[in-house]
N, C-alpha and C. Protein backbone atom coordinates (compact mmCIF):
# COMPACT_ATOMS: atom_id res chain seq x y z
N MET A 1 -43.00 77.81 -30.11
CA MET A 1 -43.86 78.56 -30.92
C MET A 1 -42.80 78.20 -31.85
N ARG A 2 -43.05 78.44 -32.92
CA ARG A 2 -41.48 78.30 -34.22
C ARG A 2 -42.34 79.09 -34.95
N LEU A 3 -41.32 80.62 -35.04
CA LEU A 3 -41.88 81.31 -36.64
C LEU A 3 -40.67 80.81 -37.25
N ASN A 4 -41.37 81.18 -38.74
CA ASN A 4 -40.51 80.83 -40.13
C ASN A 4 -40.26 81.86 -40.90
N ILE A 5 -39.05 82.87 -40.70
CA ILE A 5 -38.77 83.79 -40.75
C ILE A 5 -37.75 83.50 -42.29
N ASN A 6 -38.33 84.09 -43.85
CA ASN A 6 -37.34 83.51 -44.88
C ASN A 6 -36.81 84.94 -45.10
N LEU A 7 -35.84 86.03 -44.86
CA LEU A 7 -35.45 87.53 -45.33
C LEU A 7 -35.27 87.57 -46.56
N ALA A 8 -35.13 86.27 -47.13
CA ALA A 8 -34.74 86.29 -48.70
C ALA A 8 -35.71 86.17 -49.62
N THR A 9 -37.58 85.89 -49.05
CA THR A 9 -38.12 86.00 -50.37
C THR A 9 -39.33 86.87 -49.02
N HIS A 10 -39.25 87.20 -47.61
CA HIS A 10 -39.77 88.35 -47.50
C HIS A 10 -38.66 89.10 -46.79
N PRO A 11 -38.63 90.30 -47.58
CA PRO A 11 -37.88 91.19 -46.58
C PRO A 11 -38.03 91.69 -45.66
N TYR A 12 -37.40 92.21 -44.44
CA TYR A 12 -37.95 92.95 -43.57
C TYR A 12 -38.50 93.90 -43.58
N GLU A 13 -39.64 94.54 -43.28
CA GLU A 13 -39.98 95.65 -42.99
C GLU A 13 -40.28 96.44 -41.89
N ASP A 14 -40.37 97.70 -41.68
CA ASP A 14 -40.47 98.12 -40.41
C ASP A 14 -41.68 98.92 -40.54
N ALA A 15 -43.18 98.50 -40.38
CA ALA A 15 -44.22 98.57 -40.86
C ALA A 15 -44.42 99.73 -40.15
N ARG A 16 -43.96 100.21 -38.84
CA ARG A 16 -44.03 101.32 -37.89
C ARG A 16 -43.84 102.81 -38.17
N GLU A 17 -42.55 102.44 -38.88
CA GLU A 17 -41.45 103.36 -39.50
C GLU A 17 -42.61 104.07 -41.21
N PHE A 18 -43.05 103.33 -41.86
CA PHE A 18 -44.05 103.61 -42.46
C PHE A 18 -45.35 104.10 -42.63
N TRP A 19 -45.51 103.50 -41.43
CA TRP A 19 -46.83 104.10 -41.16
C TRP A 19 -47.14 105.17 -39.82
N MET A 20 -45.85 106.12 -39.64
CA MET A 20 -45.07 107.12 -38.84
C MET A 20 -45.19 108.03 -40.37
N ARG A 21 -44.29 107.79 -40.85
CA ARG A 21 -43.93 108.35 -42.19
C ARG A 21 -45.19 109.50 -42.82
N TRP A 22 -45.50 107.74 -43.26
CA TRP A 22 -46.73 108.18 -44.48
C TRP A 22 -48.08 108.34 -43.55
N GLY A 23 -48.43 107.71 -42.81
CA GLY A 23 -49.69 108.19 -42.00
C GLY A 23 -49.61 109.63 -41.63
N LEU A 24 -48.72 110.35 -40.98
CA LEU A 24 -48.68 111.92 -40.65
C LEU A 24 -49.05 112.69 -41.94
N ALA A 25 -48.50 112.45 -43.04
CA ALA A 25 -48.90 112.80 -44.25
C ALA A 25 -50.04 112.68 -44.86
N VAL A 26 -50.58 111.52 -44.79
CA VAL A 26 -51.91 111.58 -44.93
C VAL A 26 -53.00 112.37 -44.01
N ALA A 27 -52.38 112.30 -42.72
CA ALA A 27 -53.28 112.68 -41.43
C ALA A 27 -53.24 114.48 -42.45
N LEU A 28 -52.31 115.02 -42.61
CA LEU A 28 -52.34 116.24 -42.80
C LEU A 28 -52.84 116.58 -44.32
N LEU A 29 -52.97 115.78 -45.17
CA LEU A 29 -53.33 115.93 -46.44
C LEU A 29 -54.93 115.86 -45.80
N VAL A 30 -55.97 115.02 -45.20
CA VAL A 30 -57.07 115.38 -44.60
C VAL A 30 -57.07 116.23 -43.99
N LEU A 31 -56.43 116.74 -43.01
CA LEU A 31 -56.77 118.24 -42.86
C LEU A 31 -56.96 119.80 -43.62
N ILE A 32 -55.84 119.12 -44.56
CA ILE A 32 -56.14 120.12 -45.28
C ILE A 32 -57.16 120.34 -46.22
N THR A 33 -57.56 119.07 -46.27
CA THR A 33 -58.98 118.50 -47.32
C THR A 33 -60.19 119.24 -46.55
N VAL A 34 -60.26 118.85 -45.12
CA VAL A 34 -61.53 118.90 -44.64
C VAL A 34 -60.89 120.93 -44.52
N ALA A 35 -60.15 121.06 -44.03
CA ALA A 35 -60.17 122.55 -43.84
C ALA A 35 -60.30 123.11 -45.38
N LEU A 36 -60.09 122.60 -46.68
CA LEU A 36 -60.62 123.66 -47.64
C LEU A 36 -62.21 122.97 -47.92
N ILE A 37 -62.34 122.18 -48.00
CA ILE A 37 -63.90 122.10 -48.01
C ILE A 37 -64.84 122.55 -46.97
N GLY A 38 -64.45 123.27 -45.85
CA GLY A 38 -65.29 123.67 -44.81
C GLY A 38 -65.32 125.39 -45.50
N TRP A 39 -63.86 125.82 -45.91
CA TRP A 39 -63.76 127.25 -46.06
C TRP A 39 -64.84 127.24 -47.85
N THR A 40 -64.55 125.55 -48.45
CA THR A 40 -65.98 126.16 -49.90
C THR A 40 -67.04 126.57 -49.46
N VAL A 41 -67.74 125.87 -47.87
CA VAL A 41 -68.94 125.69 -48.08
C VAL A 41 -69.47 127.08 -47.45
N HIS A 42 -68.13 127.80 -46.28
CA HIS A 42 -68.67 128.91 -45.94
C HIS A 42 -68.46 129.84 -47.20
N SER A 43 -67.86 129.64 -48.08
CA SER A 43 -67.84 130.79 -49.28
C SER A 43 -68.92 130.58 -50.11
N TRP A 44 -69.49 129.48 -50.18
CA TRP A 44 -70.39 129.02 -50.96
C TRP A 44 -72.16 129.48 -50.25
N THR A 45 -71.95 129.97 -48.86
CA THR A 45 -73.43 130.41 -47.86
C THR A 45 -73.12 131.83 -48.02
N MET A 46 -71.55 132.33 -48.02
CA MET A 46 -71.77 133.99 -48.39
C MET A 46 -72.32 134.16 -49.44
N ALA A 47 -71.74 133.83 -50.62
CA ALA A 47 -72.38 133.79 -51.89
C ALA A 47 -73.82 134.11 -52.01
N GLY A 48 -74.44 133.15 -51.09
CA GLY A 48 -75.85 132.81 -51.42
C GLY A 48 -76.46 134.12 -50.67
N ARG A 49 -75.87 134.10 -49.18
CA ARG A 49 -76.58 135.40 -48.68
C ARG A 49 -75.95 136.83 -49.91
N ASP A 50 -74.93 137.10 -50.58
CA ASP A 50 -74.85 138.45 -51.11
C ASP A 50 -75.83 138.39 -52.18
N ARG A 51 -75.89 136.78 -53.17
CA ARG A 51 -76.62 137.17 -54.15
C ARG A 51 -78.18 137.08 -53.86
N HIS A 52 -78.85 137.21 -52.37
CA HIS A 52 -80.09 137.36 -51.85
C HIS A 52 -79.76 139.10 -51.10
N ASN A 53 -78.82 139.32 -51.41
CA ASN A 53 -78.75 141.12 -51.39
C ASN A 53 -78.85 141.76 -52.29
N ILE A 54 -78.10 141.04 -53.17
CA ILE A 54 -78.40 141.89 -55.01
C ILE A 54 -79.74 141.26 -55.05
N SER A 55 -80.37 140.65 -55.20
CA SER A 55 -81.79 140.31 -55.42
C SER A 55 -82.92 141.74 -54.73
N GLN A 56 -82.46 141.50 -53.48
CA GLN A 56 -82.77 142.91 -52.70
C GLN A 56 -83.24 144.42 -52.83
N LEU A 57 -81.73 144.02 -53.34
CA LEU A 57 -81.51 145.77 -53.60
C LEU A 57 -82.23 146.19 -55.29
N GLN A 58 -82.15 144.92 -56.25
CA GLN A 58 -82.26 144.90 -57.30
C GLN A 58 -83.87 144.89 -57.74
N GLN A 59 -84.51 144.68 -56.15
CA GLN A 59 -86.00 144.80 -56.32
C GLN A 59 -86.34 146.08 -55.67
N MET A 60 -85.91 146.52 -54.80
CA MET A 60 -85.95 147.85 -54.57
C MET A 60 -84.88 149.10 -55.79
N ILE A 61 -84.08 149.09 -56.76
CA ILE A 61 -83.85 149.64 -57.31
C ILE A 61 -85.29 149.73 -58.52
N ALA A 62 -85.42 148.30 -58.68
CA ALA A 62 -87.06 148.41 -60.15
C ALA A 62 -88.23 148.76 -59.26
N GLY A 63 -88.56 149.11 -58.21
CA GLY A 63 -89.50 149.64 -57.35
C GLY A 63 -89.09 151.12 -57.64
N ARG A 64 -88.09 151.53 -57.03
CA ARG A 64 -87.53 153.47 -57.22
C ARG A 64 -87.58 153.53 -58.73
N ASP A 65 -87.71 152.79 -59.94
CA ASP A 65 -87.46 153.28 -61.34
C ASP A 65 -89.33 153.53 -61.61
N ARG A 66 -89.42 152.29 -60.92
CA ARG A 66 -91.05 152.39 -61.46
C ARG A 66 -92.11 154.23 -60.80
N GLU A 67 -91.35 153.92 -59.77
CA GLU A 67 -92.23 155.81 -59.06
C GLU A 67 -91.84 156.62 -59.37
N ARG A 68 -90.22 156.81 -60.09
CA ARG A 68 -89.81 157.93 -61.05
C ARG A 68 -90.61 157.65 -62.46
N SER A 69 -90.85 156.59 -62.95
CA SER A 69 -91.50 156.46 -64.19
C SER A 69 -92.74 157.21 -64.29
N GLU A 70 -93.42 156.77 -63.28
CA GLU A 70 -95.32 157.04 -62.73
C GLU A 70 -94.74 158.20 -62.47
N ALA A 71 -94.10 159.03 -61.61
CA ALA A 71 -93.85 160.71 -61.14
C ALA A 71 -93.42 161.51 -62.35
N GLN A 72 -92.76 160.59 -63.64
CA GLN A 72 -92.20 161.68 -64.95
C GLN A 72 -93.51 161.65 -65.69
N THR A 73 -94.19 160.06 -65.71
CA THR A 73 -95.46 160.55 -66.57
C THR A 73 -96.41 161.50 -65.65
N PHE A 74 -96.38 161.48 -64.70
CA PHE A 74 -97.55 162.40 -63.66
C PHE A 74 -96.91 164.10 -64.47
N LEU A 75 -96.00 164.49 -64.07
CA LEU A 75 -95.09 165.44 -64.55
C LEU A 75 -95.57 166.18 -65.96
N GLU A 76 -95.29 164.91 -66.88
CA GLU A 76 -95.62 165.22 -68.66
C GLU A 76 -97.09 165.47 -68.99
N MET A 77 -98.16 165.48 -68.17
CA MET A 77 -99.21 165.54 -68.59
C MET A 77 -99.39 166.88 -68.75
N ALA A 78 -100.48 166.92 -69.82
CA ALA A 78 -100.60 168.78 -69.95
C ALA A 78 -101.00 169.31 -68.74
N ALA A 79 -101.78 169.01 -68.03
CA ALA A 79 -102.48 169.99 -66.94
C ALA A 79 -101.21 170.31 -66.08
N ASN A 80 -100.35 169.26 -65.46
CA ASN A 80 -99.09 169.80 -64.83
C ASN A 80 -97.89 170.40 -65.44
N ARG A 81 -97.60 170.38 -66.81
CA ARG A 81 -96.39 170.86 -67.29
C ARG A 81 -96.34 172.40 -67.14
N SER A 82 -97.25 173.35 -67.00
CA SER A 82 -96.99 174.53 -65.85
C SER A 82 -96.33 174.79 -64.77
N THR A 83 -96.58 173.77 -64.16
CA THR A 83 -96.08 173.43 -62.99
C THR A 83 -94.76 173.40 -62.82
N ARG A 84 -94.56 172.27 -63.48
CA ARG A 84 -93.21 171.28 -63.71
C ARG A 84 -92.15 172.72 -64.67
N GLU A 85 -92.93 173.80 -65.17
CA GLU A 85 -92.06 174.49 -66.13
C GLU A 85 -91.35 175.52 -65.15
N GLN A 86 -92.54 175.97 -63.99
CA GLN A 86 -92.76 176.92 -63.25
C GLN A 86 -91.40 176.27 -62.13
N SER A 87 -91.39 175.15 -61.46
CA SER A 87 -90.65 174.34 -60.43
C SER A 87 -89.19 174.49 -61.01
N GLN A 88 -88.72 174.35 -62.51
CA GLN A 88 -87.57 174.44 -63.01
C GLN A 88 -87.22 175.63 -63.10
N PHE A 89 -88.00 176.88 -63.14
CA PHE A 89 -87.83 177.82 -63.56
C PHE A 89 -87.04 178.47 -62.12
N LEU A 90 -88.09 177.83 -61.01
CA LEU A 90 -87.69 178.17 -59.78
C LEU A 90 -86.07 177.68 -59.04
N ASN A 91 -85.91 176.28 -59.20
CA ASN A 91 -84.90 175.66 -59.20
C ASN A 91 -83.54 176.29 -59.97
N ASN A 92 -84.01 176.83 -61.26
CA ASN A 92 -82.20 177.30 -61.80
C ASN A 92 -82.28 178.88 -61.08
N LEU A 93 -83.20 179.57 -60.52
CA LEU A 93 -83.14 180.35 -59.55
C LEU A 93 -82.77 180.71 -58.50
N ILE A 94 -82.65 179.72 -57.76
CA ILE A 94 -81.99 179.20 -56.44
C ILE A 94 -80.90 178.70 -56.97
N ARG A 95 -80.46 178.00 -57.87
CA ARG A 95 -79.02 177.77 -57.99
C ARG A 95 -78.03 178.76 -58.72
N ARG A 96 -78.64 179.72 -59.16
CA ARG A 96 -78.19 180.97 -59.83
C ARG A 96 -77.69 182.10 -58.15
N LYS A 97 -78.85 181.98 -57.65
CA LYS A 97 -78.98 182.84 -56.23
C LYS A 97 -77.82 182.15 -54.92
N ALA A 98 -77.45 180.61 -55.30
CA ALA A 98 -76.31 180.14 -54.73
C ALA A 98 -75.18 180.48 -55.15
N PHE A 99 -75.06 181.03 -55.94
CA PHE A 99 -73.67 181.11 -56.83
C PHE A 99 -73.11 182.38 -56.11
N SER A 100 -71.79 182.73 -55.30
CA SER A 100 -71.44 183.45 -54.43
C SER A 100 -70.25 183.54 -55.50
N TRP A 101 -69.98 184.56 -55.85
CA TRP A 101 -68.96 185.55 -56.58
C TRP A 101 -68.04 185.81 -55.90
N THR A 102 -67.67 185.84 -54.39
CA THR A 102 -66.63 186.11 -53.65
C THR A 102 -65.75 185.12 -53.61
N LEU A 103 -66.50 184.09 -53.26
CA LEU A 103 -66.16 182.61 -53.57
C LEU A 103 -65.13 181.81 -54.91
N VAL A 104 -65.91 182.29 -56.07
CA VAL A 104 -65.04 181.98 -57.40
C VAL A 104 -63.70 183.09 -57.23
N PHE A 105 -64.09 184.11 -57.09
CA PHE A 105 -62.92 184.74 -57.03
C PHE A 105 -61.68 184.90 -56.38
N GLU A 106 -61.90 184.08 -55.01
CA GLU A 106 -61.17 183.78 -54.05
C GLU A 106 -60.48 182.45 -54.71
N ASP A 107 -61.62 181.56 -55.16
CA ASP A 107 -60.69 180.78 -55.80
C ASP A 107 -59.47 180.72 -57.20
N LEU A 108 -60.56 181.52 -57.95
CA LEU A 108 -59.34 181.86 -59.18
C LEU A 108 -58.56 182.48 -58.67
N GLU A 109 -58.45 183.06 -57.52
CA GLU A 109 -57.11 184.19 -57.13
C GLU A 109 -55.99 183.33 -57.19
N ARG A 110 -56.51 181.78 -56.56
CA ARG A 110 -55.53 180.96 -55.88
C ARG A 110 -54.47 180.33 -56.89
N VAL A 111 -55.30 180.41 -58.62
CA VAL A 111 -55.00 179.59 -59.55
C VAL A 111 -54.28 180.31 -60.84
N MET A 112 -54.74 181.59 -60.39
CA MET A 112 -54.41 182.60 -61.46
C MET A 112 -52.67 183.05 -61.79
N PRO A 113 -51.97 182.90 -62.85
CA PRO A 113 -50.92 183.42 -63.14
C PRO A 113 -51.46 185.01 -63.05
N ALA A 114 -49.73 185.21 -62.60
CA ALA A 114 -49.57 186.75 -61.88
C ALA A 114 -49.51 187.75 -63.38
N SER A 115 -49.53 186.82 -64.59
CA SER A 115 -49.29 187.39 -65.63
C SER A 115 -50.59 187.55 -65.98
N LEU A 116 -51.63 187.14 -66.06
CA LEU A 116 -52.86 186.98 -66.45
C LEU A 116 -54.32 187.89 -65.92
N HIS A 117 -55.05 188.38 -66.44
CA HIS A 117 -55.99 188.46 -65.28
C HIS A 117 -57.01 188.71 -66.20
N VAL A 118 -58.58 188.54 -65.82
CA VAL A 118 -59.66 188.04 -65.87
C VAL A 118 -60.74 189.39 -66.81
N VAL A 119 -60.75 188.99 -68.00
CA VAL A 119 -61.59 190.28 -68.26
C VAL A 119 -63.16 190.32 -68.36
N SER A 120 -63.70 188.85 -68.34
CA SER A 120 -64.99 188.36 -68.48
C SER A 120 -65.44 187.45 -67.76
N LEU A 121 -66.61 186.98 -66.79
CA LEU A 121 -66.55 185.78 -66.19
C LEU A 121 -68.41 185.75 -66.56
N ARG A 122 -68.68 184.76 -66.89
CA ARG A 122 -69.87 184.37 -67.19
C ARG A 122 -70.37 182.41 -66.71
N PRO A 123 -70.98 182.43 -65.21
CA PRO A 123 -71.76 181.42 -64.85
C PRO A 123 -72.79 181.04 -65.80
N GLY A 124 -73.05 179.46 -65.44
CA GLY A 124 -73.64 178.69 -66.36
C GLY A 124 -73.82 177.30 -66.07
N PHE A 125 -74.69 177.03 -66.10
CA PHE A 125 -74.97 175.19 -65.85
C PHE A 125 -75.50 174.53 -66.83
N ASN A 126 -74.87 173.23 -67.14
CA ASN A 126 -74.77 172.33 -67.91
C ASN A 126 -76.46 171.57 -67.85
N GLU A 127 -76.43 170.45 -68.56
CA GLU A 127 -77.43 169.49 -68.19
C GLU A 127 -77.49 169.01 -67.34
N GLN A 128 -76.64 167.94 -66.51
CA GLN A 128 -76.38 167.29 -65.75
C GLN A 128 -76.28 168.60 -64.16
N GLY A 129 -76.64 169.37 -64.52
CA GLY A 129 -76.59 170.31 -63.22
C GLY A 129 -75.40 171.20 -62.45
N GLU A 130 -74.24 170.96 -63.18
CA GLU A 130 -73.37 171.18 -63.10
C GLU A 130 -72.88 172.68 -63.32
N MET A 131 -72.19 173.88 -62.29
CA MET A 131 -71.93 174.99 -62.88
C MET A 131 -70.52 174.90 -63.29
N TRP A 132 -70.84 175.82 -64.74
CA TRP A 132 -69.51 175.98 -65.47
C TRP A 132 -69.02 177.37 -65.80
N LEU A 133 -67.96 177.82 -65.74
CA LEU A 133 -67.43 179.19 -65.62
C LEU A 133 -66.39 179.29 -67.12
N ASP A 134 -67.66 180.20 -68.16
CA ASP A 134 -66.50 180.67 -69.53
C ASP A 134 -66.05 181.80 -69.05
N MET A 135 -64.69 182.13 -69.32
CA MET A 135 -64.45 183.42 -68.93
C MET A 135 -63.26 183.93 -69.60
N LYS A 136 -62.73 184.83 -70.22
CA LYS A 136 -62.21 185.54 -71.09
C LYS A 136 -60.88 186.31 -69.81
N VAL A 137 -59.73 185.84 -70.22
CA VAL A 137 -58.34 186.02 -69.96
C VAL A 137 -57.81 187.24 -70.71
N LEU A 138 -56.96 187.72 -70.02
CA LEU A 138 -55.76 188.92 -71.01
C LEU A 138 -54.95 188.84 -70.47
N GLY A 139 -53.52 188.54 -70.94
CA GLY A 139 -52.10 188.49 -70.69
C GLY A 139 -50.99 188.42 -71.45
N ASP A 140 -50.06 188.73 -70.95
CA ASP A 140 -49.14 189.03 -71.88
C ASP A 140 -48.48 187.93 -73.00
N ASN A 141 -48.73 186.62 -72.93
CA ASN A 141 -48.48 185.55 -73.99
C ASN A 141 -49.30 184.32 -73.53
N ARG A 142 -49.29 183.60 -74.38
CA ARG A 142 -49.94 182.10 -74.29
C ARG A 142 -49.55 181.29 -73.53
N SER A 143 -48.35 181.49 -72.66
CA SER A 143 -47.73 180.02 -72.00
C SER A 143 -49.21 180.87 -70.19
N ALA A 144 -49.23 182.30 -70.33
CA ALA A 144 -49.67 181.85 -69.22
C ALA A 144 -51.46 181.68 -69.20
N ALA A 145 -51.94 181.69 -70.25
CA ALA A 145 -53.49 180.97 -70.24
C ALA A 145 -53.22 179.59 -69.93
N VAL A 146 -52.05 179.00 -70.69
CA VAL A 146 -51.61 177.65 -70.40
C VAL A 146 -51.58 176.95 -69.02
N ALA A 147 -50.89 177.98 -68.41
CA ALA A 147 -50.69 177.69 -67.17
C ALA A 147 -51.95 178.20 -66.27
N LEU A 148 -52.76 179.00 -66.39
CA LEU A 148 -54.04 178.63 -65.96
C LEU A 148 -54.80 177.63 -65.96
N VAL A 149 -54.72 176.86 -67.16
CA VAL A 149 -55.35 175.71 -67.47
C VAL A 149 -54.97 174.45 -66.47
N HIS A 150 -53.99 174.66 -66.93
CA HIS A 150 -52.94 173.55 -65.90
C HIS A 150 -53.29 173.75 -64.03
N SER A 151 -52.64 174.58 -63.93
CA SER A 151 -53.08 174.88 -62.54
C SER A 151 -54.60 174.95 -62.02
N MET A 152 -55.44 175.08 -62.79
CA MET A 152 -57.32 174.81 -62.63
C MET A 152 -57.15 173.39 -62.70
N GLU A 153 -56.47 173.00 -62.98
CA GLU A 153 -56.55 171.21 -63.68
C GLU A 153 -56.19 170.25 -62.35
N GLY A 154 -55.23 171.33 -61.56
CA GLY A 154 -54.73 170.83 -60.19
C GLY A 154 -55.37 171.00 -58.73
N SER A 155 -56.58 171.87 -58.92
CA SER A 155 -57.28 172.30 -58.28
C SER A 155 -58.34 171.69 -57.64
N ALA A 156 -59.13 171.77 -56.53
CA ALA A 156 -60.11 171.13 -56.32
C ALA A 156 -61.36 171.57 -56.62
N HIS A 157 -61.31 172.95 -57.02
CA HIS A 157 -62.73 173.24 -57.53
C HIS A 157 -62.88 173.21 -58.79
N PHE A 158 -62.04 173.22 -59.92
CA PHE A 158 -61.84 173.56 -61.24
C PHE A 158 -62.11 171.99 -61.65
N ARG A 159 -62.89 171.87 -62.71
CA ARG A 159 -62.85 170.30 -63.29
C ARG A 159 -62.63 170.65 -64.59
N ASN A 160 -62.38 169.81 -65.77
CA ASN A 160 -62.72 170.04 -66.96
C ASN A 160 -62.13 171.42 -67.96
N ALA A 161 -61.07 171.82 -67.45
CA ALA A 161 -60.64 173.22 -67.84
C ALA A 161 -59.95 172.91 -69.23
N GLN A 162 -60.31 174.13 -70.16
CA GLN A 162 -60.18 174.22 -71.30
C GLN A 162 -60.06 175.37 -71.93
N LEU A 163 -58.76 175.54 -72.72
CA LEU A 163 -58.78 176.71 -73.66
C LEU A 163 -59.40 176.51 -74.59
N VAL A 164 -60.46 177.43 -74.87
CA VAL A 164 -61.39 177.04 -76.09
C VAL A 164 -61.17 177.97 -77.70
N GLN A 165 -60.72 179.00 -77.03
CA GLN A 165 -60.01 179.97 -77.50
C GLN A 165 -59.04 181.30 -77.51
N GLU A 166 -58.39 181.73 -78.53
CA GLU A 166 -57.09 182.41 -78.11
C GLU A 166 -57.17 183.25 -79.36
N GLY A 167 -56.64 184.78 -79.01
CA GLY A 167 -56.24 185.55 -80.01
C GLY A 167 -55.13 186.76 -79.95
N GLU A 168 -54.55 187.43 -80.75
CA GLU A 168 -54.15 188.20 -80.39
C GLU A 168 -54.73 189.21 -79.85
N GLU A 169 -53.91 190.41 -79.14
CA GLU A 169 -55.31 191.89 -78.37
C GLU A 169 -54.59 192.70 -79.11
N SER A 170 -54.85 193.90 -79.51
CA SER A 170 -54.70 195.22 -80.26
C SER A 170 -53.26 195.86 -79.65
N GLY A 171 -53.29 196.00 -77.69
CA GLY A 171 -52.27 196.16 -77.54
C GLY A 171 -50.92 195.34 -77.40
N GLY A 172 -50.88 194.27 -77.79
CA GLY A 172 -49.70 193.23 -78.18
C GLY A 172 -49.88 192.35 -77.36
N GLY A 173 -51.28 191.66 -76.43
CA GLY A 173 -51.39 190.87 -75.34
C GLY A 173 -51.94 190.05 -76.19
N VAL A 174 -52.10 188.96 -75.52
CA VAL A 174 -53.30 187.16 -76.20
C VAL A 174 -53.88 187.52 -75.03
N ILE A 175 -55.44 187.57 -75.84
CA ILE A 175 -56.88 187.04 -74.73
C ILE A 175 -57.28 185.97 -75.39
N ALA A 176 -57.40 185.02 -73.82
CA ALA A 176 -58.24 183.50 -74.22
C ALA A 176 -59.34 183.46 -73.52
N ASN A 177 -60.22 182.43 -74.46
CA ASN A 177 -61.37 181.61 -73.88
C ASN A 177 -61.14 180.90 -72.96
N VAL A 178 -61.44 180.31 -71.83
CA VAL A 178 -60.97 179.36 -70.82
C VAL A 178 -62.30 179.06 -70.14
N VAL A 179 -63.07 177.69 -70.27
CA VAL A 179 -64.21 177.27 -69.82
C VAL A 179 -63.97 175.85 -69.25
N ALA A 180 -64.39 175.66 -67.36
CA ALA A 180 -63.99 174.58 -66.56
C ALA A 180 -65.34 174.81 -65.82
N SER A 181 -65.73 173.35 -65.17
CA SER A 181 -66.22 173.17 -64.37
C SER A 181 -66.51 174.13 -63.17
N TYR A 182 -66.91 174.28 -62.26
CA TYR A 182 -66.86 174.95 -60.53
C TYR A 182 -67.44 173.76 -59.62
N ILE A 183 -66.51 173.77 -58.77
CA ILE A 183 -67.58 173.23 -57.91
C ILE A 183 -66.76 173.69 -56.16
N PRO A 184 -68.09 174.56 -55.82
CA PRO A 184 -67.61 175.69 -54.58
C PRO A 184 -67.77 174.45 -53.51
N GLU A 185 -67.07 175.37 -52.99
CA GLU A 185 -66.44 174.35 -51.61
C GLU A 185 -67.62 173.56 -50.53
N ASP A 186 -69.01 174.52 -50.89
CA ASP A 186 -70.43 174.11 -49.94
C ASP A 186 -70.90 172.46 -50.99
N SER A 187 -70.61 172.54 -51.49
CA SER A 187 -71.29 171.47 -52.30
C SER A 187 -70.03 170.29 -52.40
N LYS A 188 -68.73 170.61 -52.13
CA LYS A 188 -67.88 169.89 -51.79
C LYS A 188 -68.19 168.98 -50.13
N ARG A 189 -68.54 170.09 -49.35
CA ARG A 189 -69.22 169.79 -47.76
C ARG A 189 -69.96 168.58 -48.10
N SER A 190 -71.25 169.09 -48.75
CA SER A 190 -72.66 168.44 -48.86
C SER A 190 -72.30 167.28 -49.38
N ALA A 191 -71.40 166.76 -50.43
CA ALA A 191 -71.35 165.48 -51.22
C ALA A 191 -70.73 164.62 -50.12
N LYS A 192 -69.86 165.02 -49.16
CA LYS A 192 -69.22 164.52 -48.00
C LYS A 192 -70.42 163.81 -47.00
């Protein structure tokens, strides 16, 4: 048996080394491709579950919105108007009764600068049901009122503190009107 090998026209190639190098690279690319396809399929199925959960939640929200609008329509009927007004009145009384002057003054004591004192304090509620405090404070200078607003902003019990009005007092001091929303300790615990 005779083999004719002409190295000039057919150079020698080591096919085994070629397939070892490039075969390993191709196998690695195939594994990466399979992993990416698997990850894509998994993500697609998880997204399908998420879409299903979102549609269920949207249906629940729509149902609750329907119930709310039906209840609102029922409450707005002329026959139920007095009951609604009475319940709003009683709810406002309960909210006001739950107001603790002791807690308010304890919280104010923590944020009040030494050169400032409260002249009047009036609690109230806004449309969202948040408690607001409208207070007049008397101090030596304007910087004490500004310091009060800044310390109220850093407090856990006061939000949206604003220096609404300020003026000179006849005795040489400054009287200022400060408004802030108040979050009592009990409502913070119930929100958690």
